Amino acid sequence: MQTQEADRSVHGADRFGFAGLVLDLGAHSLTDTTGAEVPLTPAEFNLLAALVGSAGRALSRDHLMQAMVGRESEAFDRSVDVLVGRLRRKIERDPKNPRLIVTVPGVGYKFAIQPQPAPATNARIAELDRPSIAVLPFVNLSDNPGQDYFADGMVEEITTALSRVRWFFVIARNSSFTYKGRAVDVKQVGRELGVLYVLEGSVRRAGDRVRITAKLVETETGTHIWGDRFDGVIEHIFELQDEIAANVVGAIEPRLRDAELIRSKRRRPRNPTAYDCFLRGMAKWACETREENDTTMRLLRSAIASDPTFGPPYALAAMCCAQRLGQGWSENARQDRAFGIEMARGAVRLGPDDSTVLALAAVSLGYLSHEHDIAVPLSEQALALNPNCATALQCAGWVRLYNGEPEHAMVYLTRGAGLNPVDPRRFILDSGLAYACIMLGRYQEAVDWARRSLGTSAEWSFGHIPLAGALGMLGRPGEARAVVAHLLERVPRYTVEREARIFRPGRARDALTSALVTAGFPP
């Protein structure tokens, strides 16, 4: 394509760095600082190459259209403005306030910052210390072969959504689509692409209805990890793609983490890596015993010592400190609180683009330091990075509880439950719903949620607290006092005043503390 080649020669380079990304014209790829590839369609790649190659210059829509369709064989039926919007969502920190690709009124668009030549790299996918996944082209099972575009669009949306989950590597669509129309062996795909997992699927469209099926497979063993189907009515096609992609990603993330834990246990390395230690700690982050908490903290300290720049262990360590305090396991509350806050702030510094890291840091800061004006935006940033992360939704629910917003909390917690209905840590979410119901004066619902929480984890303090409060408000003092006595055996220094400090002053906190006093907790 003459335009793109001419733009490249202006800089005399094939690789350009900007905003933590590297655009490689020769490899036809865009990667972030960790080496993870940002999935772009051929048209989106050509659009970005044209803009970067003419950085600082306004380019007309006609110029950009020529750049996008130039020498690619892919069918193209989307306007420049639509493609710019999709590209912004993939590379801008805030797509609504772009700072890389800016609009030039009456002309078109320009790349607003000056990219720098980037050195070549020989890093391989197999060397990345995190799981990797490829979304293979979905099979079009419709009667009309012309419906391939819908199946391809579905894969593109899922790939883009998965790429927001920073703890695993997603192969770009361009590489995955080399398998289109071919019968594939997932083990062979794993070897050729260097991935541990593949997502396969099919699309069947009949009239105004569509059915998407998807399954996640481990390439080393061919093990089927997860599968599901999604049905919908095609009225607004792109919205339907977004909705299905959200459901697929929301289902895949927890299953992939569980599968990685199984692989980690199989390996049992003599010198576990930071990621391996973190993964084993993640399996126990909702510790039910002090021994589990101690074990998890040892693993996380090893992870941090192995790689002090790896953010996830910091976030998980902060959560463990919060649990030590909440469960009454801490021998030095001031020290554990200070360490937890230090870990949470370190997590934010090291993982600003990791949804799970920010979510855990947010809820830890809300609980440990009561910095609600920091915790709320952090939790929202986590959801902006990955709106389909069940962990981020659960944490956002608790952050909103601490901020005195039970209605908002219930929305987030309910969405999180829908994305991960078989979560073994569901008792945390259920207890959050119990707290929200007490704050809203819905005491029987609070009892139901608290008992559901305790049915999964009988010693979870945050299940006993709202249960006692709700029973007290329902006029069942004997049952309430029994729950209070049980909790005080485990957390003897517990007081209503201590609990109240966690929450922002206001009606929600007043409703909770009134219920706890009525139940018989020490003031």
Protein backbone atom coordinates (compact mmCIF):
# COMPACT_ATOMS: atom_id res chain seq x y z
CA MET A 1 0.00 0.00 0.00
CA GLN A 2 1.79 3.15 -1.19
CA THR A 3 0.41 5.50 1.44
CA GLN A 4 1.46 3.30 4.34
CA GLU A 5 4.91 2.59 2.87
CA ALA A 6 5.49 6.30 2.31
CA ASP A 7 4.48 7.10 5.89
CA ARG A 8 6.82 4.44 7.19
CA SER A 9 9.78 5.84 5.28
CA VAL A 10 9.29 9.24 6.91
CA HIS A 11 10.40 7.77 10.21
CA GLY A 12 12.87 5.25 8.80
CA ALA A 13 11.65 2.61 11.26
CA ASP A 14 9.32 -0.34 11.39
CA ARG A 15 8.51 -0.23 15.12
CA PHE A 16 7.06 2.73 17.00
CA GLY A 17 6.49 3.18 20.73
CA PHE A 18 3.77 5.36 22.27
CA ALA A 19 1.64 5.37 25.44
CA GLY A 20 3.01 2.02 26.61
CA LEU A 21 2.31 0.34 23.25
CA VAL A 22 4.54 -0.82 20.39
CA LEU A 23 3.31 -0.78 16.79
CA ASP A 24 5.31 -3.22 14.62
CA LEU A 25 4.66 -2.63 10.92
CA GLY A 26 6.72 -5.61 9.84
CA ALA A 27 5.03 -8.08 12.19
CA HIS A 28 1.64 -6.43 11.63
CA SER A 29 1.07 -6.26 15.39
CA LEU A 30 0.38 -3.92 18.31
CA THR A 31 1.68 -5.01 21.72
CA ASP A 32 1.77 -3.57 25.22
CA THR A 33 4.74 -3.32 27.57
CA THR A 34 4.32 -6.94 28.73
CA GLY A 35 4.39 -8.26 25.18
CA ALA A 36 0.65 -8.94 25.11
CA GLU A 37 -0.82 -8.36 21.65
CA VAL A 38 -3.69 -5.90 21.33
CA PRO A 39 -6.18 -7.51 18.91
CA LEU A 40 -6.76 -5.42 15.80
CA THR A 41 -8.59 -6.20 12.59
CA PRO A 42 -6.57 -5.61 9.38
CA ALA A 43 -8.54 -2.40 8.74
CA GLU A 44 -7.93 -1.14 12.29
CA PHE A 45 -4.21 -1.95 11.99
CA ASN A 46 -3.89 -0.08 8.70
CA LEU A 47 -5.81 2.86 10.13
CA LEU A 48 -3.47 3.06 13.12
CA ALA A 49 -0.38 2.65 10.92
CA ALA A 50 -1.50 5.55 8.73
CA LEU A 51 -2.16 7.79 11.73
CA VAL A 52 1.08 6.94 13.52
CA GLY A 53 3.09 7.27 10.32
CA SER A 54 1.78 10.81 9.90
CA ALA A 55 1.80 11.79 13.57
CA GLY A 56 0.92 15.43 14.14
CA ARG A 57 -0.66 15.82 10.69
CA ALA A 58 -4.40 15.94 10.07
CA LEU A 59 -5.50 13.20 7.66
CA SER A 60 -8.72 13.34 5.71
CA ARG A 61 -11.29 10.58 5.85
CA ASP A 62 -10.57 9.76 2.20
CA HIS A 63 -6.88 9.33 2.98
CA LEU A 64 -7.67 7.06 5.92
CA MET A 65 -10.20 5.05 3.92
CA GLN A 66 -7.56 4.33 1.30
CA ALA A 67 -5.14 3.29 4.05
CA MET A 68 -7.65 0.90 5.58
CA VAL A 69 -8.79 -0.92 2.46
CA GLY A 70 -5.60 -0.60 0.39
CA ARG A 71 -4.16 -4.09 -0.05
CA GLU A 72 -6.27 -6.11 2.36
CA SER A 73 -8.63 -8.78 1.02
CA GLU A 74 -10.95 -8.55 4.01
CA ALA A 75 -14.47 -7.34 3.18
CA PHE A 76 -14.84 -3.77 4.42
CA ASP A 77 -18.17 -2.09 5.02
CA ARG A 78 -17.60 0.20 7.99
CA SER A 79 -17.03 3.93 7.91
CA VAL A 80 -13.83 5.63 9.04
CA ASP A 81 -15.64 7.12 12.03
CA VAL A 82 -16.84 3.70 13.21
CA LEU A 83 -13.34 2.22 12.91
CA VAL A 84 -11.80 5.19 14.73
CA GLY A 85 -14.29 4.60 17.55
CA ARG A 86 -13.38 0.92 17.80
CA LEU A 87 -9.67 1.68 17.66
CA ARG A 88 -10.01 4.28 20.42
CA ARG A 89 -11.70 1.70 22.67
CA LYS A 90 -8.68 -0.55 22.23
CA ILE A 91 -5.80 1.89 22.71
CA GLU A 92 -7.07 4.94 24.58
CA ARG A 93 -7.10 5.02 28.38
CA ASP A 94 -10.37 6.98 28.21
CA PRO A 95 -12.06 6.53 24.80
CA LYS A 96 -14.52 9.34 25.58
CA ASN A 97 -11.64 11.78 26.06
CA PRO A 98 -9.04 10.57 23.53
CA ARG A 99 -5.52 11.90 23.69
CA LEU A 100 -3.91 9.74 20.98
CA ILE A 101 -6.37 9.88 18.06
CA VAL A 102 -8.04 13.27 18.08
CA THR A 103 -10.70 14.70 15.80
CA VAL A 104 -9.77 17.60 13.53
CA PRO A 105 -13.08 19.37 12.76
CA GLY A 106 -13.80 19.72 9.08
CA VAL A 107 -10.81 17.55 8.11
CA GLY A 108 -10.62 14.14 9.73
CA TYR A 109 -8.27 12.81 12.41
CA LYS A 110 -4.67 13.04 13.55
CA PHE A 111 -2.33 11.16 15.87
CA ALA A 112 -1.66 13.78 18.53
CA ILE A 113 1.57 12.52 20.14
CA GLN A 114 4.95 11.86 18.56
CA PRO A 115 5.82 8.13 18.58
CA GLN A 116 9.40 7.03 19.20
CA PRO A 117 11.33 4.31 17.33
CA ALA A 118 11.10 1.08 19.36
CA PRO A 119 13.88 -1.54 19.52
CA ALA A 120 13.35 -4.95 18.03
CA THR A 121 12.41 -7.79 20.34
CA ASN A 122 12.83 -11.55 20.18
CA ALA A 123 10.45 -12.31 23.03
CA ARG A 124 8.29 -15.37 22.40
CA ILE A 125 4.82 -16.08 23.67
CA ALA A 126 6.00 -19.29 25.34
CA GLU A 127 8.34 -17.29 27.56
CA LEU A 128 5.53 -15.26 29.09
CA ASP A 129 4.88 -16.24 32.68
CA ARG A 130 1.10 -16.24 32.40
CA PRO A 131 -1.58 -18.27 30.67
CA SER A 132 -2.25 -17.69 27.00
CA ILE A 133 -5.38 -18.16 24.90
CA ALA A 134 -6.39 -18.00 21.24
CA VAL A 135 -9.95 -17.46 20.05
CA LEU A 136 -10.29 -19.56 16.91
CA PRO A 137 -12.64 -18.55 14.08
CA PHE A 138 -16.19 -19.58 14.89
CA VAL A 139 -17.86 -21.95 12.45
CA ASN A 140 -20.83 -20.54 10.54
CA LEU A 141 -23.57 -23.18 10.76
CA SER A 142 -26.17 -20.97 9.07
CA ASP A 143 -27.63 -21.93 5.70
CA ASN A 144 -26.25 -18.72 4.21
CA PRO A 145 -22.43 -18.68 3.78
CA GLY A 146 -22.73 -14.90 3.57
CA GLN A 147 -23.29 -14.87 7.32
CA ASP A 148 -19.57 -15.48 7.90
CA TYR A 149 -19.18 -11.80 8.74
CA PHE A 150 -21.37 -12.24 11.81
CA ALA A 151 -19.32 -15.18 13.10
CA ASP A 152 -16.09 -13.25 12.44
CA GLY A 153 -17.45 -10.21 14.24
CA MET A 154 -18.34 -12.38 17.19
CA VAL A 155 -14.76 -13.65 17.44
CA GLU A 156 -13.43 -10.11 17.16
CA GLU A 157 -15.61 -8.89 20.02
CA ILE A 158 -14.68 -11.82 22.27
CA THR A 159 -10.97 -11.38 21.50
CA THR A 160 -11.16 -7.68 22.32
CA ALA A 161 -13.05 -8.32 25.55
CA LEU A 162 -10.60 -11.04 26.64
CA SER A 163 -7.66 -8.74 25.98
CA ARG A 164 -8.91 -6.51 28.81
CA VAL A 165 -8.13 -9.31 31.29
CA ARG A 166 -4.51 -8.40 31.94
CA TRP A 167 -3.45 -11.56 33.76
CA PHE A 168 -3.48 -13.66 30.61
CA PHE A 169 -2.14 -13.27 27.08
CA VAL A 170 -4.54 -13.18 24.14
CA ILE A 171 -3.36 -14.05 20.64
CA ALA A 172 -4.28 -11.46 18.04
CA ARG A 173 -7.16 -12.14 15.69
CA ASN A 174 -4.81 -12.00 12.68
CA SER A 175 -2.90 -15.06 13.91
CA SER A 176 -5.97 -17.00 15.02
CA PHE A 177 -7.71 -16.48 11.67
CA THR A 178 -5.05 -18.42 9.81
CA TYR A 179 -7.06 -21.45 10.95
CA LYS A 180 -10.30 -20.29 9.36
CA GLY A 181 -11.97 -22.97 7.28
CA ARG A 182 -9.58 -25.68 8.49
CA ALA A 183 -10.22 -28.73 10.63
CA VAL A 184 -7.91 -28.18 13.59
CA ASP A 185 -6.34 -30.26 16.33
CA VAL A 186 -6.23 -28.11 19.46
CA LYS A 187 -2.95 -29.69 20.54
CA GLN A 188 -1.39 -28.68 17.24
CA VAL A 189 -2.84 -25.18 17.54
CA GLY A 190 -1.33 -24.92 20.99
CA ARG A 191 2.10 -25.85 19.66
CA GLU A 192 1.92 -23.57 16.62
CA LEU A 193 0.59 -20.49 18.43
CA GLY A 194 2.32 -21.14 21.74
CA VAL A 195 -0.94 -21.04 23.71
CA LEU A 196 -2.21 -23.10 26.60
CA TYR A 197 -5.93 -22.65 25.84
CA VAL A 198 -8.17 -22.20 22.83
CA LEU A 199 -11.74 -21.03 22.62
CA GLU A 200 -13.76 -22.68 19.85
CA GLY A 201 -17.32 -21.96 18.82
CA SER A 202 -20.04 -21.87 16.24
CA VAL A 203 -22.77 -19.48 15.12
CA ARG A 204 -26.15 -20.57 13.82
CA ARG A 205 -28.43 -17.87 12.52
CA ALA A 206 -31.99 -18.50 11.39
CA GLY A 207 -34.18 -15.54 10.55
CA ASP A 208 -34.00 -13.05 13.38
CA ARG A 209 -32.60 -15.53 15.90
CA VAL A 210 -29.03 -16.57 16.57
CA ARG A 211 -27.38 -19.25 18.72
CA ILE A 212 -23.74 -19.03 19.76
CA THR A 213 -21.95 -22.03 21.23
CA ALA A 214 -18.49 -21.82 22.76
CA LYS A 215 -16.09 -24.15 24.53
CA LEU A 216 -12.75 -23.64 26.26
CA VAL A 217 -10.12 -26.38 25.80
CA GLU A 218 -6.68 -26.93 27.31
CA THR A 219 -4.26 -27.58 24.47
CA GLU A 220 -1.75 -29.73 26.36
CA THR A 221 -4.27 -32.45 27.22
CA GLY A 222 -7.31 -31.63 25.09
CA THR A 223 -9.35 -31.33 28.29
CA HIS A 224 -12.71 -29.61 27.87
CA ILE A 225 -12.80 -26.96 30.63
CA TRP A 226 -16.01 -25.07 29.94
CA GLY A 227 -18.79 -24.84 27.41
CA ASP A 228 -22.10 -23.03 27.02
CA ARG A 229 -24.55 -21.69 24.49
CA PHE A 230 -26.15 -18.29 24.11
CA ASP A 231 -29.39 -17.45 22.32
CA GLY A 232 -30.63 -14.07 21.18
CA VAL A 233 -32.75 -12.10 18.77
CA ILE A 234 -30.92 -10.07 16.15
CA GLU A 235 -32.37 -6.62 16.30
CA HIS A 236 -29.24 -4.61 16.94
CA ILE A 237 -26.45 -6.87 15.76
CA PHE A 238 -23.46 -5.14 17.35
CA GLU A 239 -25.16 -4.80 20.73
CA LEU A 240 -25.91 -8.53 20.59
CA GLN A 241 -22.25 -9.27 19.86
CA ASP A 242 -21.20 -7.14 22.83
CA GLU A 243 -23.68 -8.88 25.13
CA ILE A 244 -22.58 -12.37 24.14
CA ALA A 245 -18.91 -11.42 24.38
CA ALA A 246 -19.51 -10.12 27.91
CA ASN A 247 -21.14 -13.38 28.95
CA VAL A 248 -18.41 -15.52 27.39
CA VAL A 249 -15.60 -13.54 29.03
CA GLY A 250 -17.40 -13.45 32.38
CA ALA A 251 -17.68 -17.23 32.28
CA ILE A 252 -14.17 -17.92 31.00
CA GLU A 253 -12.10 -15.91 33.47
CA PRO A 254 -12.87 -17.89 36.65
CA ARG A 255 -12.68 -21.23 34.81
CA LEU A 256 -9.34 -20.31 33.32
CA ARG A 257 -7.99 -19.34 36.72
CA ASP A 258 -9.14 -22.67 38.17
CA ALA A 259 -7.55 -24.54 35.28
CA GLU A 260 -4.28 -22.68 35.82
CA LEU A 261 -4.28 -23.68 39.47
CA ILE A 262 -4.64 -27.35 38.49
CA ARG A 263 -1.74 -26.99 36.05
CA SER A 264 0.32 -25.28 38.73
CA LYS A 265 -0.23 -28.15 41.15
CA ARG A 266 0.77 -30.64 38.46
CA ARG A 267 4.07 -28.86 37.86
CA ARG A 268 5.19 -28.46 41.49
CA PRO A 269 8.38 -26.62 40.49
CA ARG A 270 11.36 -26.60 42.82
CA ASN A 271 11.69 -22.84 42.43
CA PRO A 272 8.16 -21.52 41.90
CA THR A 273 7.84 -18.30 39.96
CA ALA A 274 6.11 -15.16 41.17
CA TYR A 275 3.10 -16.04 39.05
CA ASP A 276 2.96 -19.60 40.38
CA CYS A 277 3.12 -18.43 44.01
CA PHE A 278 0.45 -15.84 43.32
CA LEU A 279 -1.78 -18.41 41.66
CA ARG A 280 -1.60 -20.77 44.62
CA GLY A 281 -2.31 -17.90 46.95
CA MET A 282 -5.27 -16.86 44.80
CA ALA A 283 -6.88 -20.23 45.39
CA LYS A 284 -7.05 -19.39 49.09
CA TRP A 285 -7.61 -15.65 49.05
CA ALA A 286 -10.95 -16.08 50.81
CA CYS A 287 -9.22 -17.81 53.72
CA GLU A 288 -11.54 -19.66 56.08
CA THR A 289 -8.89 -20.43 58.71
CA ARG A 290 -5.94 -18.61 60.21
CA GLU A 291 -3.65 -21.38 58.95
CA GLU A 292 -4.82 -20.80 55.37
CA ASN A 293 -4.25 -17.09 55.79
CA ASP A 294 -0.71 -17.68 57.07
CA THR A 295 0.03 -20.04 54.16
CA THR A 296 -1.31 -17.58 51.64
CA MET A 297 0.76 -14.73 53.06
CA ARG A 298 3.91 -16.86 52.85
CA LEU A 299 3.19 -17.61 49.19
CA LEU A 300 2.54 -13.96 48.42
CA ARG A 301 5.70 -12.80 50.17
CA SER A 302 7.62 -15.33 48.04
CA ALA A 303 5.95 -14.01 44.92
CA ILE A 304 6.85 -10.42 45.78
CA ALA A 305 10.44 -11.38 46.60
CA SER A 306 10.69 -13.26 43.29
CA ASP A 307 9.37 -10.32 41.25
CA PRO A 308 8.85 -7.02 43.12
CA THR A 309 7.30 -5.46 39.98
CA PHE A 310 4.44 -7.98 39.71
CA GLY A 311 1.30 -6.25 41.02
CA PRO A 312 -1.22 -9.06 41.74
CA PRO A 313 0.51 -10.49 44.86
CA TYR A 314 0.49 -7.02 46.44
CA ALA A 315 -3.26 -6.72 45.94
CA LEU A 316 -3.91 -10.18 47.34
CA ALA A 317 -1.64 -9.53 50.34
CA ALA A 318 -3.71 -6.44 51.12
CA MET A 319 -6.86 -8.58 51.09
CA CYS A 320 -5.25 -11.12 53.40
CA CYS A 321 -4.44 -8.35 55.88
CA ALA A 322 -8.06 -7.18 55.77
CA GLN A 323 -9.22 -10.74 56.47
CA ARG A 324 -6.79 -11.09 59.38
CA LEU A 325 -8.41 -8.09 61.00
CA GLY A 326 -12.00 -8.95 60.14
CA GLN A 327 -11.73 -12.58 61.23
CA GLY A 328 -9.94 -11.80 64.49
CA TRP A 329 -6.69 -13.54 63.51
CA SER A 330 -4.39 -10.56 63.88
CA GLU A 331 -1.92 -10.49 66.77
CA ASN A 332 -0.87 -6.94 65.90
CA ALA A 333 -3.78 -5.06 64.32
CA ARG A 334 -1.87 -1.82 63.81
CA GLN A 335 0.99 -3.59 62.04
CA ASP A 336 -1.29 -5.69 59.82
CA ARG A 337 -3.38 -2.65 58.93
CA ALA A 338 -0.32 -0.60 57.96
CA PHE A 339 1.15 -3.47 55.93
CA GLY A 340 -2.15 -4.04 54.14
CA ILE A 341 -2.42 -0.37 53.19
CA GLU A 342 1.18 -0.43 51.94
CA MET A 343 0.42 -3.50 49.83
CA ALA A 344 -2.76 -1.99 48.39
CA ARG A 345 -0.99 1.20 47.36
CA GLY A 346 1.85 -0.81 45.85
CA ALA A 347 -0.69 -2.81 43.86
CA VAL A 348 -2.23 0.35 42.42
CA ARG A 349 1.21 1.62 41.44
CA LEU A 350 2.29 -1.64 39.79
CA GLY A 351 -1.00 -2.73 38.21
CA PRO A 352 -2.78 0.36 36.91
CA ASP A 353 -4.16 -1.54 33.91
CA ASP A 354 -5.14 -4.77 35.71
CA SER A 355 -8.82 -4.97 36.61
CA THR A 356 -8.45 -7.57 39.37
CA VAL A 357 -5.48 -5.80 40.96
CA LEU A 358 -7.31 -2.47 41.13
CA ALA A 359 -10.50 -4.11 42.41
CA LEU A 360 -8.75 -5.91 45.28
CA ALA A 361 -6.74 -2.80 46.13
CA ALA A 362 -9.89 -0.69 46.17
CA VAL A 363 -11.81 -2.91 48.56
CA SER A 364 -8.72 -3.26 50.78
CA LEU A 365 -8.28 0.51 51.03
CA GLY A 366 -11.98 0.93 51.73
CA TYR A 367 -11.78 -1.52 54.61
CA LEU A 368 -8.32 -0.81 56.02
CA SER A 369 -7.85 2.94 55.64
CA HIS A 370 -11.47 4.01 54.98
CA GLU A 371 -10.28 6.11 52.01
CA HIS A 372 -13.64 5.96 50.27
CA ASP A 373 -12.88 8.86 47.92
CA ILE A 374 -9.96 6.80 46.60
CA ALA A 375 -11.55 3.36 46.76
CA VAL A 376 -14.69 4.23 44.77
CA PRO A 377 -12.87 5.64 41.69
CA LEU A 378 -10.41 2.73 41.80
CA SER A 379 -13.23 0.20 41.73
CA GLU A 380 -14.86 2.06 38.83
CA GLN A 381 -11.53 2.09 36.99
CA ALA A 382 -11.30 -1.67 37.50
CA LEU A 383 -14.72 -2.14 35.93
CA ALA A 384 -13.87 0.19 33.05
CA LEU A 385 -10.88 -2.03 32.27
CA ASN A 386 -12.96 -5.21 32.40
CA PRO A 387 -16.72 -4.77 32.85
CA ASN A 388 -17.19 -8.55 32.90
CA CYS A 389 -14.85 -9.42 35.76
CA ALA A 390 -16.86 -11.10 38.51
CA THR A 391 -14.17 -10.30 41.08
CA ALA A 392 -14.20 -6.61 40.13
CA LEU A 393 -17.99 -6.51 40.43
CA GLN A 394 -17.93 -8.19 43.84
CA CYS A 395 -15.26 -5.79 45.10
CA ALA A 396 -17.17 -2.81 43.69
CA GLY A 397 -20.20 -3.97 45.65
CA TRP A 398 -18.29 -3.99 48.93
CA VAL A 399 -16.65 -0.65 48.14
CA ARG A 400 -20.10 0.85 47.64
CA LEU A 401 -21.25 -0.66 50.93
CA TYR A 402 -18.34 1.00 52.74
CA ASN A 403 -19.30 4.23 50.98
CA GLY A 404 -22.87 4.01 52.29
CA GLU A 405 -24.53 3.12 48.97
CA PRO A 406 -26.42 -0.15 49.52
CA GLU A 407 -28.57 0.20 46.37
CA HIS A 408 -25.50 0.52 44.15
CA ALA A 409 -23.83 -2.29 46.06
CA MET A 410 -26.70 -4.68 45.36
CA VAL A 411 -26.53 -3.93 41.62
CA TYR A 412 -22.82 -4.80 41.46
CA LEU A 413 -23.08 -7.85 43.70
CA THR A 414 -26.03 -9.25 41.77
CA ARG A 415 -24.24 -8.78 38.45
CA GLY A 416 -21.16 -10.47 39.86
CA ALA A 417 -23.22 -13.43 41.02
CA GLY A 418 -24.76 -13.79 37.56
CA LEU A 419 -21.34 -13.92 35.87
CA ASN A 420 -19.96 -16.56 38.25
CA PRO A 421 -22.87 -18.53 39.73
CA VAL A 422 -20.71 -21.43 40.96
CA ASP A 423 -18.00 -19.33 42.61
CA PRO A 424 -16.57 -21.21 45.63
CA ARG A 425 -16.09 -17.79 47.26
CA ARG A 426 -19.75 -16.94 46.82
CA PHE A 427 -20.16 -16.60 50.61
CA ILE A 428 -18.33 -13.24 50.43
CA LEU A 429 -20.83 -11.92 47.92
CA ASP A 430 -23.84 -13.30 49.81
CA SER A 431 -22.71 -11.63 53.04
CA GLY A 432 -22.39 -8.35 51.14
CA LEU A 433 -26.01 -8.67 50.04
CA ALA A 434 -26.96 -9.29 53.69
CA TYR A 435 -25.24 -6.05 54.73
CA ALA A 436 -27.00 -4.13 51.95
CA CYS A 437 -30.41 -5.48 52.99
CA ILE A 438 -29.90 -4.40 56.61
CA MET A 439 -28.98 -0.89 55.48
CA LEU A 440 -32.18 -0.82 53.41
CA GLY A 441 -34.37 -2.16 56.23
CA ARG A 442 -35.05 -5.47 54.46
CA TYR A 443 -34.34 -7.64 57.47
CA GLN A 444 -35.78 -11.01 56.44
CA GLU A 445 -33.83 -10.83 53.17
CA ALA A 446 -30.73 -10.02 55.20
CA VAL A 447 -31.30 -13.16 57.29
CA ASP A 448 -31.71 -15.26 54.16
CA TRP A 449 -28.52 -13.96 52.51
CA ALA A 450 -26.50 -14.23 55.72
CA ARG A 451 -27.58 -17.83 56.28
CA ARG A 452 -26.77 -18.66 52.69
CA SER A 453 -23.30 -17.19 53.23
CA LEU A 454 -22.76 -19.16 56.44
CA GLY A 455 -24.04 -22.30 54.77
CA THR A 456 -20.94 -22.16 52.56
CA SER A 457 -18.47 -20.86 55.14
CA ALA A 458 -19.70 -21.36 58.70
CA GLU A 459 -16.98 -19.24 60.34
CA TRP A 460 -17.19 -16.23 58.01
CA SER A 461 -17.44 -13.28 60.40
CA PHE A 462 -19.13 -11.07 57.84
CA GLY A 463 -21.96 -13.56 57.64
CA HIS A 464 -22.55 -13.64 61.42
CA ILE A 465 -22.55 -9.85 61.81
CA PRO A 466 -25.51 -9.06 59.53
CA LEU A 467 -27.34 -12.21 60.64
CA ALA A 468 -27.30 -11.06 64.26
CA GLY A 469 -28.31 -7.51 63.33
CA ALA A 470 -31.23 -8.63 61.16
CA LEU A 471 -32.51 -11.09 63.78
CA GLY A 472 -32.41 -8.34 66.38
CA MET A 473 -34.45 -6.01 64.18
CA LEU A 474 -36.98 -8.77 63.52
CA GLY A 475 -37.66 -9.06 67.24
CA ARG A 476 -35.85 -12.37 67.75
CA PRO A 477 -33.45 -11.41 70.57
CA GLY A 478 -32.64 -14.95 71.70
CA GLU A 479 -31.41 -16.00 68.26
CA ALA A 480 -29.57 -12.70 67.84
CA ARG A 481 -27.74 -13.04 71.18
CA ALA A 482 -26.65 -16.59 70.28
CA VAL A 483 -25.06 -15.34 67.05
CA VAL A 484 -23.42 -12.43 68.90
CA ALA A 485 -21.95 -14.79 71.49
CA HIS A 486 -20.56 -17.06 68.77
CA LEU A 487 -18.88 -14.16 66.98
CA LEU A 488 -17.41 -12.67 70.15
CA GLU A 489 -15.76 -16.01 70.95
CA ARG A 490 -13.86 -15.72 67.69
CA VAL A 491 -13.41 -11.92 67.58
CA PRO A 492 -13.39 -10.87 71.25
CA ARG A 493 -12.39 -7.26 70.52
CA TYR A 494 -15.32 -6.71 68.17
CA THR A 495 -17.45 -3.61 68.90
CA VAL A 496 -20.11 -1.68 67.03
CA GLU A 497 -17.86 1.38 67.09
CA ARG A 498 -15.09 -0.60 65.39
CA GLU A 499 -17.51 -1.78 62.71
CA ALA A 500 -18.89 1.74 62.19
CA ARG A 501 -15.42 3.16 61.44
CA ILE A 502 -15.32 1.15 58.22
CA PHE A 503 -18.35 2.90 56.70
CA ARG A 504 -18.86 6.46 55.53
CA PRO A 505 -21.09 8.42 57.96
CA GLY A 506 -24.69 8.61 56.83
CA ARG A 507 -28.08 6.90 56.90
CA ALA A 508 -26.77 3.53 55.74
CA ARG A 509 -24.18 3.38 58.52
CA ASP A 510 -26.74 4.53 61.09
CA ALA A 511 -29.15 1.78 60.00
CA LEU A 512 -26.44 -0.86 60.32
CA THR A 513 -25.11 0.26 63.70
CA SER A 514 -28.64 0.54 65.11
CA ALA A 515 -29.30 -3.07 64.10
CA LEU A 516 -26.02 -4.27 65.65
CA VAL A 517 -26.71 -2.49 68.95
CA THR A 518 -30.22 -3.99 69.00
CA ALA A 519 -28.71 -7.44 68.46
CA GLY A 520 -26.57 -7.04 71.57
CA PHE A 521 -23.08 -6.37 70.23
CA PRO A 522 -20.85 -4.32 72.54
CA PRO A 523 -21.10 -0.63 71.63
